[in-house]
Protein backbone atom coordinates (compact mmCIF):
# COMPACT_ATOMS: atom_id res chain seq x y z
CA MET A 1 19.53 -18.80 4.53
CA ILE A 2 22.01 -15.22 5.50
CA ASN A 3 21.54 -13.47 2.09
CA GLU A 4 17.89 -14.34 2.22
CA LEU A 5 17.68 -12.73 5.88
CA LEU A 6 19.86 -9.41 4.90
CA ASN A 7 17.43 -8.85 1.70
CA LEU A 8 14.88 -9.46 3.97
CA LEU A 9 16.11 -6.72 6.14
CA LEU A 10 16.98 -4.51 3.48
CA LEU A 11 14.04 -4.25 1.74
CA TYR A 12 11.86 -3.82 5.09
CA LEU A 13 14.27 -0.71 5.66
CA LEU A 14 14.28 0.84 2.06
CA MET A 15 10.87 -0.35 1.37
CA ALA A 16 9.04 0.28 4.62
CA LEU A 17 10.92 2.25 7.36
CA LEU A 18 12.15 4.55 5.80
CA PRO A 19 9.47 5.50 3.27
CA ALA A 20 7.71 5.48 6.64
CA TYR A 21 10.24 7.51 8.58
CA PHE A 22 10.00 10.25 5.45
CA ILE A 23 5.76 10.26 5.79
CA PHE A 24 5.08 10.05 9.16
CA ASN A 25 4.72 13.73 10.06
CA TRP A 26 2.50 14.37 6.37
CA ILE A 27 0.17 11.46 7.96
CA ASN A 28 0.58 12.88 11.53
CA HIS A 29 -1.02 15.88 10.19
CA GLN A 30 -3.50 14.74 9.24
CA THR A 31 -4.79 12.17 11.64
CA GLU A 32 -4.03 14.11 14.83
CA ASN A 33 -3.63 10.12 16.29
CA ILE A 34 0.04 8.93 17.04
CA LYS A 35 -0.52 5.64 16.52
CA ALA A 36 -2.84 6.02 13.69
CA SER A 37 0.02 7.44 11.52
CA VAL A 38 2.80 4.92 12.77
CA VAL A 39 0.57 2.31 11.54
CA LEU A 40 -0.81 4.31 8.44
CA SER A 41 2.70 5.08 7.59
CA LEU A 42 3.88 1.71 7.49
CA GLY A 43 1.43 0.35 5.54
CA ILE A 44 1.12 3.38 2.67
CA ALA A 45 4.84 2.92 2.64
CA PRO A 46 5.73 0.38 0.70
CA LEU A 47 2.84 0.66 -1.75
CA LEU A 48 4.08 4.11 -2.35
CA MET A 49 7.19 3.11 -3.72
CA SER A 50 5.67 0.45 -5.57
CA SER A 51 3.94 3.27 -6.99
CA LEU A 52 7.06 5.68 -7.64
CA LEU A 53 8.03 2.52 -9.61
CA TYR A 54 5.39 2.37 -11.44
CA ILE A 55 6.40 5.78 -12.72
CA MET A 56 9.46 5.85 -13.27
CA LEU A 57 9.48 2.68 -14.97
CA LEU A 58 6.76 4.29 -17.71
CA PHE A 59 8.59 7.11 -17.95
CA LEU A 60 12.32 6.93 -17.20
CA PRO A 61 12.96 2.80 -18.45
CA GLY A 62 16.07 0.90 -18.77
CA GLN A 63 17.68 2.87 -15.42
CA SER A 64 19.57 0.96 -12.56
CA THR A 65 17.84 0.26 -9.35
CA VAL A 66 20.49 2.53 -7.59
CA ILE A 67 18.84 5.17 -9.89
CA TYR A 68 15.38 4.16 -9.07
CA LEU A 69 16.01 4.08 -5.41
CA LEU A 70 17.81 7.36 -5.93
CA ILE A 71 14.72 8.88 -7.67
CA ALA A 72 12.17 7.84 -5.50
CA PHE A 73 13.86 8.94 -1.89
CA SER A 74 14.28 12.17 -3.30
CA VAL A 75 10.67 12.75 -4.05
CA LEU A 76 10.08 11.27 -0.57
CA ILE A 77 12.55 13.82 1.07
CA GLY A 78 11.83 16.95 -1.44
CA HIS A 79 8.42 15.99 -0.43
CA MET A 80 9.06 16.17 3.59
CA ILE A 81 11.36 18.87 3.24
CA PHE A 82 8.78 21.19 1.25
CA PHE A 83 6.06 19.99 4.10
CA ARG A 84 8.52 21.09 7.27
CA LYS A 85 9.03 24.40 5.22
CA LYS A 86 5.02 25.31 4.91
CA PHE A 87 4.09 24.02 8.20
CA ASN A 88 7.23 24.39 10.09
CA ILE A 89 7.29 21.16 11.91
CA ALA A 90 10.27 19.54 13.29
CA PHE A 91 11.08 16.08 11.77
CA ALA A 92 12.23 13.81 14.54
CA ALA A 93 9.45 11.04 15.17
CA SER A 94 10.97 10.54 18.53
CA LYS A 95 9.28 13.91 19.50
CA TYR A 96 6.02 12.63 19.23
CA PRO A 97 5.88 10.67 22.98
CA ILE A 98 3.81 7.44 22.05
CA THR A 99 2.61 6.07 25.29
CA PHE A 100 0.46 2.95 26.16
CA ASP A 101 -1.96 1.78 28.39
CA LYS A 102 -1.78 -1.95 29.84
CA THR A 103 -4.10 -3.41 27.26
CA GLU A 104 -2.52 -1.79 24.34
CA LYS A 105 1.20 -2.89 25.19
CA ILE A 106 -0.35 -6.52 25.67
CA LEU A 107 -2.10 -5.84 22.07
CA ALA A 108 1.08 -4.28 21.13
CA SER A 109 3.36 -7.37 22.14
CA LEU A 110 0.76 -10.24 21.02
CA LEU A 111 1.24 -8.07 16.96
CA LEU A 112 4.94 -8.00 17.50
CA VAL A 113 5.20 -11.90 18.34
CA PHE A 114 2.61 -12.68 15.43
CA PHE A 115 4.69 -10.75 12.85
CA VAL A 116 7.83 -12.26 13.85
CA CYS A 117 6.09 -16.05 13.41
CA THR A 118 4.31 -14.66 9.82
CA LEU A 119 8.07 -14.39 8.86
CA ALA A 120 9.04 -17.60 10.10
CA TYR A 121 5.90 -19.00 8.27
CA SER A 122 6.84 -17.35 5.45
CA HIS A 123 9.98 -18.55 5.11
CA TRP A 124 8.86 -22.11 5.54
CA ARG A 125 6.29 -22.32 3.72
CA PRO A 126 6.06 -22.59 -0.17
CA LEU A 127 4.67 -20.63 -2.16
CA SER A 128 0.97 -22.44 -3.84
CA GLU A 129 -1.21 -19.42 -4.85
CA HIS A 130 -1.97 -19.95 -8.51
CA ASP A 131 -2.72 -15.99 -9.07
CA THR A 132 0.06 -14.66 -6.30
CA PHE A 133 2.63 -17.06 -9.06
CA GLU A 134 0.90 -14.95 -12.21
CA TYR A 135 2.08 -11.67 -10.45
CA MET A 136 5.46 -12.71 -9.09
CA PHE A 137 6.04 -13.44 -12.97
CA LEU A 138 5.00 -10.31 -14.21
CA GLY A 139 6.95 -8.27 -11.09
CA LYS A 140 10.17 -10.38 -12.10
CA GLN A 141 9.99 -9.62 -16.09
CA LEU A 142 9.37 -5.59 -15.20
CA ALA A 143 13.04 -6.27 -13.24
CA LEU A 144 14.17 -7.66 -16.07
CA GLU A 145 13.19 -5.32 -18.62
CA LYS A 146 13.46 -2.05 -16.69
CA GLN A 147 10.40 -0.81 -18.45
CA LEU A 148 6.59 -0.82 -18.32
CA ILE A 149 4.81 -1.07 -21.74
CA ILE A 150 1.18 -0.40 -22.40
CA SER A 151 -0.15 -2.16 -25.07
CA LYS A 152 -2.87 -4.36 -26.62
CA TYR A 153 -0.84 -7.67 -27.42
CA ARG A 154 1.23 -8.62 -24.49
CA TYR A 155 3.75 -11.58 -25.27
CA ASN A 156 6.80 -11.78 -24.23
CA GLU A 157 8.87 -13.89 -26.54
CA ALA A 158 11.69 -14.51 -24.18
CA SER A 159 9.18 -17.08 -21.70
CA GLY A 160 6.30 -17.57 -24.24
CA SER A 161 3.50 -15.65 -21.74
CA TYR A 162 0.95 -13.18 -23.28
CA PHE A 163 -0.34 -11.66 -19.87
CA ILE A 164 -4.26 -10.39 -19.79
CA GLY A 165 -4.38 -8.49 -16.42
CA LEU A 166 -7.54 -7.11 -15.02
CA HIS A 167 -5.92 -5.46 -11.72
CA GLY A 168 -3.65 -2.50 -11.00
CA LEU A 169 0.18 -3.55 -10.80
CA LEU A 170 1.13 -2.25 -7.55
CA TYR A 171 0.95 -5.67 -5.99
CA PRO A 172 3.36 -7.27 -8.87
CA ILE A 173 5.33 -4.51 -8.78
CA LEU A 174 6.12 -4.74 -4.99
CA PHE A 175 8.08 -8.16 -5.79
CA THR A 176 9.97 -6.44 -8.45
CA TRP A 177 11.76 -4.36 -6.24
CA GLN A 178 12.20 -7.79 -4.59
CA SER A 179 13.45 -8.55 -7.51
CA MET A 180 15.86 -5.74 -8.42
CA PHE A 181 17.40 -6.52 -4.56
CA ASN A 182 17.87 -9.98 -6.06
CA GLN A 183 19.83 -8.54 -8.76
CA LEU A 184 21.86 -6.33 -6.54
CA MET A 185 22.63 -9.28 -3.71
CA HIS A 186 23.14 -12.11 -6.37
CA THR A 187 20.31 -14.52 -4.67
CA ASP A 188 17.27 -15.62 -5.38
CA SER A 189 14.60 -15.05 -2.75
CA GLU A 190 10.67 -14.45 -2.79
CA TRP A 191 11.00 -14.11 1.79
CA TRP A 192 10.03 -10.39 1.64
CA PHE A 193 7.14 -10.52 -0.92
CA LYS A 194 5.35 -13.76 0.84
CA SER A 195 6.29 -12.09 3.92
CA LEU A 196 4.08 -8.87 3.06
CA SER A 197 0.67 -11.44 3.80
CA GLY A 198 1.93 -10.93 7.57
CA TYR A 199 3.00 -7.85 8.05
CA TYR A 200 -0.64 -6.35 6.39
CA SER A 201 -2.19 -8.30 8.42
CA MET A 202 -0.08 -7.25 11.21
CA LEU A 203 -1.35 -3.56 10.31
CA PHE A 204 -4.72 -4.28 9.40
CA LEU A 205 -4.96 -5.85 13.46
CA SER A 206 -3.81 -2.46 14.76
CA VAL A 207 -5.97 -0.25 12.72
CA PHE A 208 -9.19 -2.30 13.68
CA ILE A 209 -7.61 -2.30 17.38
CA LEU A 210 -7.34 1.86 17.02
CA TYR A 211 -10.57 2.24 15.29
CA LEU A 212 -12.50 0.20 17.66
CA LYS A 213 -11.06 1.42 20.82
CA SER A 214 -11.49 4.72 19.45
CA ILE A 215 -15.69 4.04 19.63
CA ASN A 216 -15.27 2.05 23.06
CA PRO A 217 -12.24 0.48 24.68
CA LYS A 218 -14.12 -2.35 26.07
CA TRP A 219 -15.46 -3.98 22.77
CA LEU A 220 -11.84 -4.41 22.09
CA VAL A 221 -11.35 -8.07 23.08
CA LEU A 222 -15.00 -8.71 22.32
CA GLY A 223 -14.18 -7.17 18.67
CA LEU A 224 -11.34 -9.03 17.95
CA CYS A 225 -12.30 -12.37 19.13
CA MET A 226 -15.47 -12.01 16.73
CA LEU A 227 -12.82 -10.96 13.67
CA LEU A 228 -10.90 -13.68 14.44
CA SER A 229 -13.42 -15.98 14.91
CA SER A 230 -14.04 -15.47 10.79
CA PHE A 231 -12.78 -18.75 8.99
CA ALA A 232 -12.14 -16.71 5.37
CA LEU A 233 -9.93 -14.35 7.33
CA VAL A 234 -7.63 -16.35 9.11
CA PHE A 235 -7.79 -17.94 5.78
CA SER A 236 -6.23 -14.65 4.10
CA ILE A 237 -3.56 -14.74 6.55
CA LEU A 238 -2.04 -17.80 5.96
CA GLN A 239 -2.06 -17.35 2.19
CA PHE A 240 0.28 -15.15 0.28
CA HIS A 241 -1.68 -12.99 -1.93
CA LEU A 242 -2.78 -9.65 -1.91
CA GLU A 243 -5.73 -9.73 0.22
CA MET A 244 -4.23 -8.34 3.19
CA ILE A 245 -3.35 -5.56 1.70
CA ARG A 246 -6.69 -5.26 0.28
CA MET A 247 -8.44 -5.17 3.86
CA PHE A 248 -5.98 -3.07 5.48
CA LEU A 249 -6.01 -0.05 2.11
CA PHE A 250 -10.17 -0.39 2.48
CA LEU A 251 -10.10 0.09 6.90
CA ALA A 252 -7.67 2.68 6.29
CA VAL A 253 -9.59 4.30 3.88
CA VAL A 254 -12.85 4.14 5.93
CA TYR A 255 -10.29 5.37 8.94
CA MET A 256 -9.48 8.26 7.01
CA SER A 257 -13.22 9.11 5.37
CA ILE A 258 -14.30 9.67 9.03
CA THR A 259 -11.47 11.70 10.11
CA PHE A 260 -11.89 13.86 6.62
CA ILE A 261 -15.56 14.24 7.12
CA GLU A 262 -15.19 15.46 10.57
CA SER A 263 -12.12 17.52 10.30
CA PRO A 264 -11.32 18.13 6.17
CA ARG A 265 -7.99 19.49 5.30
CA ASN A 266 -8.05 19.70 1.87
CA GLN A 267 -4.55 21.05 1.02
CA ILE A 268 -2.58 17.99 1.94
CA ASN A 269 -5.12 14.95 3.23
CA ILE A 270 -3.72 11.26 2.99
CA LEU A 271 -6.90 9.85 1.59
CA GLY A 272 -6.30 10.60 -2.08
CA ILE A 273 -3.34 8.67 -1.56
CA LEU A 274 -4.96 6.10 0.40
CA LEU A 275 -7.66 5.57 -2.64
CA GLY A 276 -4.86 5.58 -5.40
CA LEU A 277 -3.00 2.71 -4.00
CA GLN A 278 -6.42 1.05 -3.33
CA ALA A 279 -7.56 0.99 -7.09
CA GLY A 280 -3.83 0.20 -7.81
CA VAL A 281 -3.88 -2.42 -6.15
CA HIS A 282 -7.16 -4.59 -7.29
CA PHE A 283 -10.02 -3.17 -9.69
CA ILE A 284 -12.44 -3.54 -6.75
CA GLY A 285 -10.49 -0.86 -4.88
CA LEU A 286 -10.95 1.27 -7.66
CA VAL A 287 -14.92 0.51 -7.46
CA ILE A 288 -14.74 1.45 -4.12
CA SER A 289 -12.57 4.12 -4.44
CA ILE A 290 -14.87 5.68 -6.60
CA ILE A 291 -18.00 5.10 -4.80
CA SER A 292 -15.94 6.57 -1.36
CA LEU A 293 -15.43 9.71 -3.35
CA GLY A 294 -19.41 10.02 -3.87
CA LEU A 295 -20.47 8.98 -0.64
CA LEU A 296 -17.79 11.73 0.15
CA PHE A 297 -18.99 14.42 -1.97
CA PHE A 298 -22.82 13.79 -0.09
CA PHE A 299 -21.75 13.89 3.54
CA LEU A 300 -19.57 16.72 3.82
CA GLN A 301 -21.06 19.70 5.53
CA GLN A 302 -20.13 22.18 3.70
CA THR A 303 -21.51 24.04 0.08
CA TYR A 304 -21.39 22.13 -2.71
CA ALA A 305 -19.01 24.04 -4.42
CA MET A 306 -16.31 23.78 -1.44
CA ARG A 307 -17.24 19.84 -1.20
CA PHE A 308 -16.56 19.75 -5.09
CA LYS A 309 -13.05 21.57 -4.18
CA MET A 310 -12.38 19.55 -1.61
CA LEU A 311 -12.59 16.35 -3.85
CA MET A 312 -11.10 17.55 -7.08
CA LYS A 313 -7.65 17.72 -5.41
CA GLN A 314 -8.16 14.08 -4.16
CA CYS A 315 -9.43 12.69 -7.33
CA ILE A 316 -6.27 14.31 -9.07
CA ILE A 317 -3.87 12.44 -6.45
CA PHE A 318 -6.30 9.10 -6.61
CA ILE A 319 -5.62 9.05 -10.41
CA LEU A 320 -2.14 9.56 -10.18
CA PHE A 321 -1.12 7.26 -7.33
CA GLY A 322 -3.36 4.06 -8.81
CA SER A 323 -6.37 4.39 -10.71
CA ILE A 324 -3.96 6.10 -13.62
CA HIS A 325 -3.41 2.67 -14.74
CA TYR A 326 -6.81 1.75 -15.69
CA ILE A 327 -7.06 5.05 -17.82
CA LEU A 328 -3.72 3.97 -20.02
CA GLU A 329 -5.25 0.70 -20.47
CA TYR A 330 -8.11 1.58 -21.74
CA PHE A 331 -6.47 3.99 -24.53
CA MET A 332 -3.31 2.60 -25.14
CA GLY A 333 -3.81 -1.03 -23.61
CA ASP A 334 -6.41 -3.96 -24.22
CA GLY A 335 -8.78 -2.41 -21.82
CA TYR A 336 -9.84 -5.82 -20.45
CA TRP A 337 -10.96 -4.03 -17.63
CA TRP A 338 -13.51 -2.69 -19.39
CA GLN A 339 -14.65 -5.34 -20.85
CA LYS A 340 -15.40 -7.29 -18.12
CA ILE A 341 -17.30 -4.50 -17.50
CA THR A 342 -19.42 -4.10 -20.37
CA GLY A 343 -18.87 -7.49 -21.89
CA ASN A 344 -17.46 -6.11 -25.15
């Protein structure tokens, strides 16, 4: 139990809190809403670490967990220093005062209590979701082999398994990180990976509250009651699956798309990463991201040439941080996602 708890705390520290700290100012520069920046940073951080590990397993296989961690944090810290010099911004989260009104204090306290309860729930309840077992199996294989091979025939001789994948690999690679830490700490825990459903449920509800409050604070209680009255949402929260990650990313994309339309900052916009991560988690996310880019082109107020220039950078980031998987699968793998679309 003690080793599992240490494993959980270390993973949240290295996969969520520290990466979130390194990207916070970058995101805050885009949103200009410190509360939204904190929530988005905490949500993006684990998936960004997953995306970085995907790239490393693909192009730098066979390294130790420590090497992968050092490279990932070097990238994050390097970007932080570059961003600081470019915009002359002091990097200290304490310099940004966060104030809460009475309603926000109550909601924030309830969300924290909710998250603690989900931690206990995820430790107590065993896994039962079929898809999650498959994702975890793939994630553990990647941790053992420390390489990602895109091929037309994915047969693992040691386990006798044949993997067919429609979706991106950012979700199973989260368990790859967990498995690597298990190896380092000589434990066999799945607690952190299971708890991510509750973690992203908390962040999803936080974005929903912030967005609704920006429209009309009077709608908060009614909106939350209506949202939580959905059996599908409550069922998703109670499952150990990627659904709440998808829902968080979808709502974050909506939030940042509106921000981008109102005040586009082409040079470093976070929207491209959100779209890429959304695609890298699930195939439906790829479809939604492509539609989102099309809608953004239509709704932006600039000239067509400027719209194209603004969105091109987002498209490049979108490819690098998630949708590159589908391109590689099409040309080097079995192209299963394309077969599902075309039927061939």
